[in-house]
Structures are given as structure tokens and as C-alpha cells.
Amino acid sequence: MRLKLDLHDVYNKGGEIDMALRTILDEAERTKASVVEIIPGKGSGQLKKRVLRYLDRPEVKVRYHRVEKDSKNWGRVFVHFRWK
């Protein structure tokens, strides 16, 4: 199962960005999704940096297996999960 989060609607609302990321990770854990696709968009790159910083937090990092930056579309990030 794959989940998708498009951040275009909340790109300039800091608290809503973190809440959307937390919610999608919660849903991934609940549904045992294998991948979450996060779309920060291409813009200036600041939103993507914010997403990557959020995912790099120690308390968040333990929730997923790895992060992949899409090599064909730099406005997209994949978060991979490994379930036991």
C-alpha cells in the first residue's frame, strides 16, 4: 500500500506542515503502508528542506526504514517502511 501527501495547500503554514507529516506517518503505521510519497513541490526548495529536517528528527526517524529523494522529480520524497 502507498500513501500520498501533497503539501502544496499548506506550504506556508509551519504548524500545519508538521501536523500533516505526523498524521501521514500515523496512518502509514496504522495501515502498514510500505511507502509514503510526500510532495513538497519544486519551488525554492525550502519546503522540501523542512520536510527532510522533520524526517531527520530522532523521534521521527525511528518510525520509518529510509527516505528516498526522487532522482527524476526533485519535488518528491519517498518514505519507506519495513514492517515485521
N, C-alpha and C. Protein backbone atom coordinates (compact mmCIF):
# COMPACT_ATOMS: atom_id res chain seq x y z
N MET A 1 0.84 -1.18 0.00
CA MET A 1 0.00 0.00 0.00
C MET A 1 0.88 1.24 0.00
N ARG A 2 0.47 2.23 -0.76
CA ARG A 2 1.18 3.50 -0.84
C ARG A 2 0.25 4.62 -0.38
N LEU A 3 0.80 5.55 0.35
CA LEU A 3 0.04 6.73 0.75
C LEU A 3 0.69 7.94 0.12
N LYS A 4 -0.07 9.01 -0.04
CA LYS A 4 0.44 10.21 -0.71
C LYS A 4 0.04 11.44 0.10
N LEU A 5 0.98 12.36 0.25
CA LEU A 5 0.73 13.63 0.95
C LEU A 5 1.23 14.76 0.07
N ASP A 6 0.31 15.60 -0.39
CA ASP A 6 0.65 16.77 -1.20
C ASP A 6 0.62 18.00 -0.30
N LEU A 7 1.76 18.65 -0.16
CA LEU A 7 1.87 19.79 0.76
C LEU A 7 1.65 21.15 0.08
N HIS A 8 1.22 21.17 -1.16
CA HIS A 8 1.02 22.44 -1.86
C HIS A 8 0.05 23.38 -1.12
N ASP A 9 -0.99 22.81 -0.50
CA ASP A 9 -2.01 23.64 0.15
C ASP A 9 -1.54 24.27 1.46
N VAL A 10 -0.53 23.71 2.10
CA VAL A 10 -0.09 24.21 3.40
C VAL A 10 1.37 24.66 3.38
N TYR A 11 1.89 24.99 2.20
CA TYR A 11 3.32 25.27 2.05
C TYR A 11 3.84 26.39 2.94
N ASN A 12 2.98 27.34 3.35
CA ASN A 12 3.46 28.46 4.16
C ASN A 12 2.88 28.46 5.58
N LYS A 13 2.40 27.32 6.02
CA LYS A 13 1.79 27.22 7.36
C LYS A 13 2.57 26.18 8.17
N GLY A 14 3.58 26.64 8.89
CA GLY A 14 4.50 25.76 9.60
C GLY A 14 3.87 24.69 10.46
N GLY A 15 2.94 25.06 11.33
CA GLY A 15 2.31 24.09 12.22
C GLY A 15 1.50 23.06 11.46
N GLU A 16 0.85 23.48 10.39
CA GLU A 16 0.04 22.55 9.60
C GLU A 16 0.92 21.57 8.83
N ILE A 17 2.10 22.00 8.44
CA ILE A 17 3.04 21.11 7.74
C ILE A 17 3.44 19.97 8.68
N ASP A 18 3.86 20.31 9.89
CA ASP A 18 4.26 19.29 10.86
C ASP A 18 3.10 18.36 11.19
N MET A 19 1.90 18.92 11.34
CA MET A 19 0.74 18.12 11.67
C MET A 19 0.41 17.17 10.51
N ALA A 20 0.50 17.64 9.28
CA ALA A 20 0.22 16.79 8.12
C ALA A 20 1.23 15.66 8.03
N LEU A 21 2.50 15.95 8.30
CA LEU A 21 3.53 14.91 8.27
C LEU A 21 3.30 13.88 9.38
N ARG A 22 2.99 14.36 10.58
CA ARG A 22 2.72 13.45 11.70
C ARG A 22 1.51 12.57 11.38
N THR A 23 0.46 13.15 10.82
CA THR A 23 -0.76 12.41 10.50
C THR A 23 -0.50 11.33 9.46
N ILE A 24 0.26 11.65 8.42
CA ILE A 24 0.51 10.66 7.36
C ILE A 24 1.38 9.52 7.89
N LEU A 25 2.33 9.83 8.78
CA LEU A 25 3.15 8.77 9.37
C LEU A 25 2.31 7.88 10.29
N ASP A 26 1.39 8.50 11.03
CA ASP A 26 0.47 7.72 11.87
C ASP A 26 -0.38 6.79 11.02
N GLU A 27 -0.89 7.30 9.90
CA GLU A 27 -1.72 6.49 9.02
C GLU A 27 -0.90 5.36 8.39
N ALA A 28 0.35 5.65 8.03
CA ALA A 28 1.21 4.61 7.47
C ALA A 28 1.42 3.48 8.47
N GLU A 29 1.62 3.83 9.74
CA GLU A 29 1.80 2.80 10.76
C GLU A 29 0.52 2.01 10.98
N ARG A 30 -0.60 2.71 10.98
CA ARG A 30 -1.89 2.05 11.22
C ARG A 30 -2.25 1.09 10.09
N THR A 31 -1.98 1.47 8.85
CA THR A 31 -2.35 0.66 7.69
C THR A 31 -1.22 -0.22 7.19
N LYS A 32 -0.05 -0.12 7.83
CA LYS A 32 1.14 -0.88 7.42
C LYS A 32 1.51 -0.58 5.96
N ALA A 33 1.46 0.69 5.59
CA ALA A 33 1.83 1.10 4.23
C ALA A 33 3.31 0.86 4.01
N SER A 34 3.68 0.52 2.81
CA SER A 34 5.09 0.27 2.51
C SER A 34 5.82 1.56 2.15
N VAL A 35 5.09 2.51 1.56
CA VAL A 35 5.71 3.76 1.10
C VAL A 35 4.75 4.92 1.30
N VAL A 36 5.30 6.06 1.71
CA VAL A 36 4.55 7.31 1.72
C VAL A 36 5.26 8.25 0.76
N GLU A 37 4.50 8.77 -0.19
CA GLU A 37 5.02 9.74 -1.14
C GLU A 37 4.66 11.13 -0.63
N ILE A 38 5.66 11.96 -0.39
CA ILE A 38 5.43 13.33 0.08
C ILE A 38 5.82 14.27 -1.05
N ILE A 39 4.89 15.18 -1.39
CA ILE A 39 5.12 16.11 -2.48
C ILE A 39 5.21 17.52 -1.92
N PRO A 40 6.44 18.00 -1.69
CA PRO A 40 6.60 19.38 -1.24
C PRO A 40 6.59 20.35 -2.43
N GLY A 41 6.74 19.85 -3.63
CA GLY A 41 6.79 20.69 -4.82
C GLY A 41 8.21 21.16 -5.09
N LYS A 42 8.38 21.81 -6.22
CA LYS A 42 9.73 22.19 -6.66
C LYS A 42 10.13 23.56 -6.16
N GLY A 43 9.29 24.54 -6.25
CA GLY A 43 9.53 25.89 -5.72
C GLY A 43 10.97 26.25 -5.41
N SER A 44 11.18 26.89 -4.28
CA SER A 44 12.52 27.33 -3.88
C SER A 44 13.31 26.22 -3.19
N GLY A 45 12.64 25.15 -2.81
CA GLY A 45 13.30 24.05 -2.12
C GLY A 45 13.22 24.14 -0.61
N GLN A 46 12.67 25.23 -0.08
CA GLN A 46 12.60 25.41 1.37
C GLN A 46 11.65 24.42 2.03
N LEU A 47 10.52 24.14 1.37
CA LEU A 47 9.56 23.20 1.94
C LEU A 47 10.15 21.79 1.97
N LYS A 48 10.86 21.41 0.92
CA LYS A 48 11.50 20.10 0.90
C LYS A 48 12.53 20.00 2.02
N LYS A 49 13.30 21.06 2.23
CA LYS A 49 14.28 21.06 3.31
C LYS A 49 13.59 20.91 4.66
N ARG A 50 12.45 21.59 4.82
CA ARG A 50 11.71 21.48 6.09
C ARG A 50 11.22 20.05 6.31
N VAL A 51 10.71 19.42 5.23
CA VAL A 51 10.24 18.04 5.32
C VAL A 51 11.39 17.11 5.71
N LEU A 52 12.54 17.28 5.07
CA LEU A 52 13.70 16.43 5.36
C LEU A 52 14.20 16.64 6.78
N ARG A 53 14.18 17.90 7.26
CA ARG A 53 14.57 18.17 8.65
C ARG A 53 13.60 17.50 9.62
N TYR A 54 12.32 17.55 9.32
CA TYR A 54 11.31 16.90 10.16
C TYR A 54 11.57 15.39 10.21
N LEU A 55 11.81 14.80 9.04
CA LEU A 55 12.04 13.36 8.98
C LEU A 55 13.34 12.94 9.64
N ASP A 56 14.26 13.88 9.80
CA ASP A 56 15.56 13.58 10.40
C ASP A 56 15.55 13.69 11.92
N ARG A 57 14.45 14.14 12.50
CA ARG A 57 14.36 14.22 13.96
C ARG A 57 14.47 12.81 14.54
N PRO A 58 15.21 12.65 15.64
CA PRO A 58 15.40 11.30 16.21
C PRO A 58 14.09 10.58 16.54
N GLU A 59 13.10 11.30 17.08
CA GLU A 59 11.84 10.66 17.45
C GLU A 59 11.00 10.28 16.23
N VAL A 60 11.28 10.89 15.10
CA VAL A 60 10.56 10.57 13.86
C VAL A 60 11.32 9.49 13.09
N LYS A 61 12.63 9.58 13.11
CA LYS A 61 13.48 8.67 12.35
C LYS A 61 13.27 7.20 12.72
N VAL A 62 12.93 6.93 13.96
CA VAL A 62 12.71 5.54 14.40
C VAL A 62 11.42 4.94 13.83
N ARG A 63 10.57 5.77 13.24
CA ARG A 63 9.28 5.30 12.74
C ARG A 63 9.34 4.72 11.33
N TYR A 64 10.41 4.99 10.58
CA TYR A 64 10.48 4.52 9.20
C TYR A 64 11.81 3.85 8.93
N HIS A 65 11.90 3.20 7.76
CA HIS A 65 13.12 2.49 7.38
C HIS A 65 14.12 3.41 6.69
N ARG A 66 13.69 4.11 5.64
CA ARG A 66 14.60 5.01 4.92
C ARG A 66 13.83 6.05 4.14
N VAL A 67 14.54 7.12 3.76
CA VAL A 67 13.99 8.20 2.94
C VAL A 67 14.70 8.18 1.60
N GLU A 68 13.93 8.36 0.54
CA GLU A 68 14.49 8.39 -0.81
C GLU A 68 14.05 9.67 -1.49
N LYS A 69 15.01 10.43 -1.98
CA LYS A 69 14.71 11.62 -2.77
C LYS A 69 14.57 11.16 -4.22
N ASP A 70 13.47 11.48 -4.85
CA ASP A 70 13.21 11.04 -6.22
C ASP A 70 14.23 11.65 -7.16
N SER A 71 14.98 10.83 -7.86
CA SER A 71 16.03 11.33 -8.76
C SER A 71 15.44 11.91 -10.05
N LYS A 72 14.23 11.53 -10.41
CA LYS A 72 13.61 12.03 -11.64
C LYS A 72 12.73 13.25 -11.40
N ASN A 73 12.29 13.44 -10.15
CA ASN A 73 11.41 14.56 -9.82
C ASN A 73 11.84 15.09 -8.45
N TRP A 74 12.65 16.14 -8.41
CA TRP A 74 13.20 16.59 -7.14
C TRP A 74 12.17 17.28 -6.24
N GLY A 75 10.92 17.35 -6.68
CA GLY A 75 9.85 17.88 -5.84
C GLY A 75 9.08 16.78 -5.13
N ARG A 76 9.72 15.62 -4.97
CA ARG A 76 9.03 14.48 -4.37
C ARG A 76 10.00 13.68 -3.50
N VAL A 77 9.49 13.21 -2.37
CA VAL A 77 10.29 12.42 -1.41
C VAL A 77 9.48 11.17 -1.06
N PHE A 78 10.16 10.03 -0.99
CA PHE A 78 9.52 8.78 -0.60
C PHE A 78 10.03 8.37 0.77
N VAL A 79 9.11 7.96 1.64
CA VAL A 79 9.47 7.43 2.95
C VAL A 79 9.10 5.96 2.94
N HIS A 80 10.09 5.10 3.11
CA HIS A 80 9.88 3.65 3.04
C HIS A 80 9.78 3.07 4.46
N PHE A 81 8.90 2.09 4.58
CA PHE A 81 8.69 1.42 5.87
C PHE A 81 9.01 -0.07 5.70
N ARG A 82 9.44 -0.68 6.77
CA ARG A 82 9.68 -2.12 6.81
C ARG A 82 8.91 -2.65 8.02
N TRP A 83 7.91 -3.46 7.77
CA TRP A 83 7.08 -3.99 8.85
C TRP A 83 7.46 -5.42 9.14
N LYS A 84 7.41 -5.79 10.40
CA LYS A 84 7.79 -7.14 10.84
C LYS A 84 6.62 -8.07 10.77
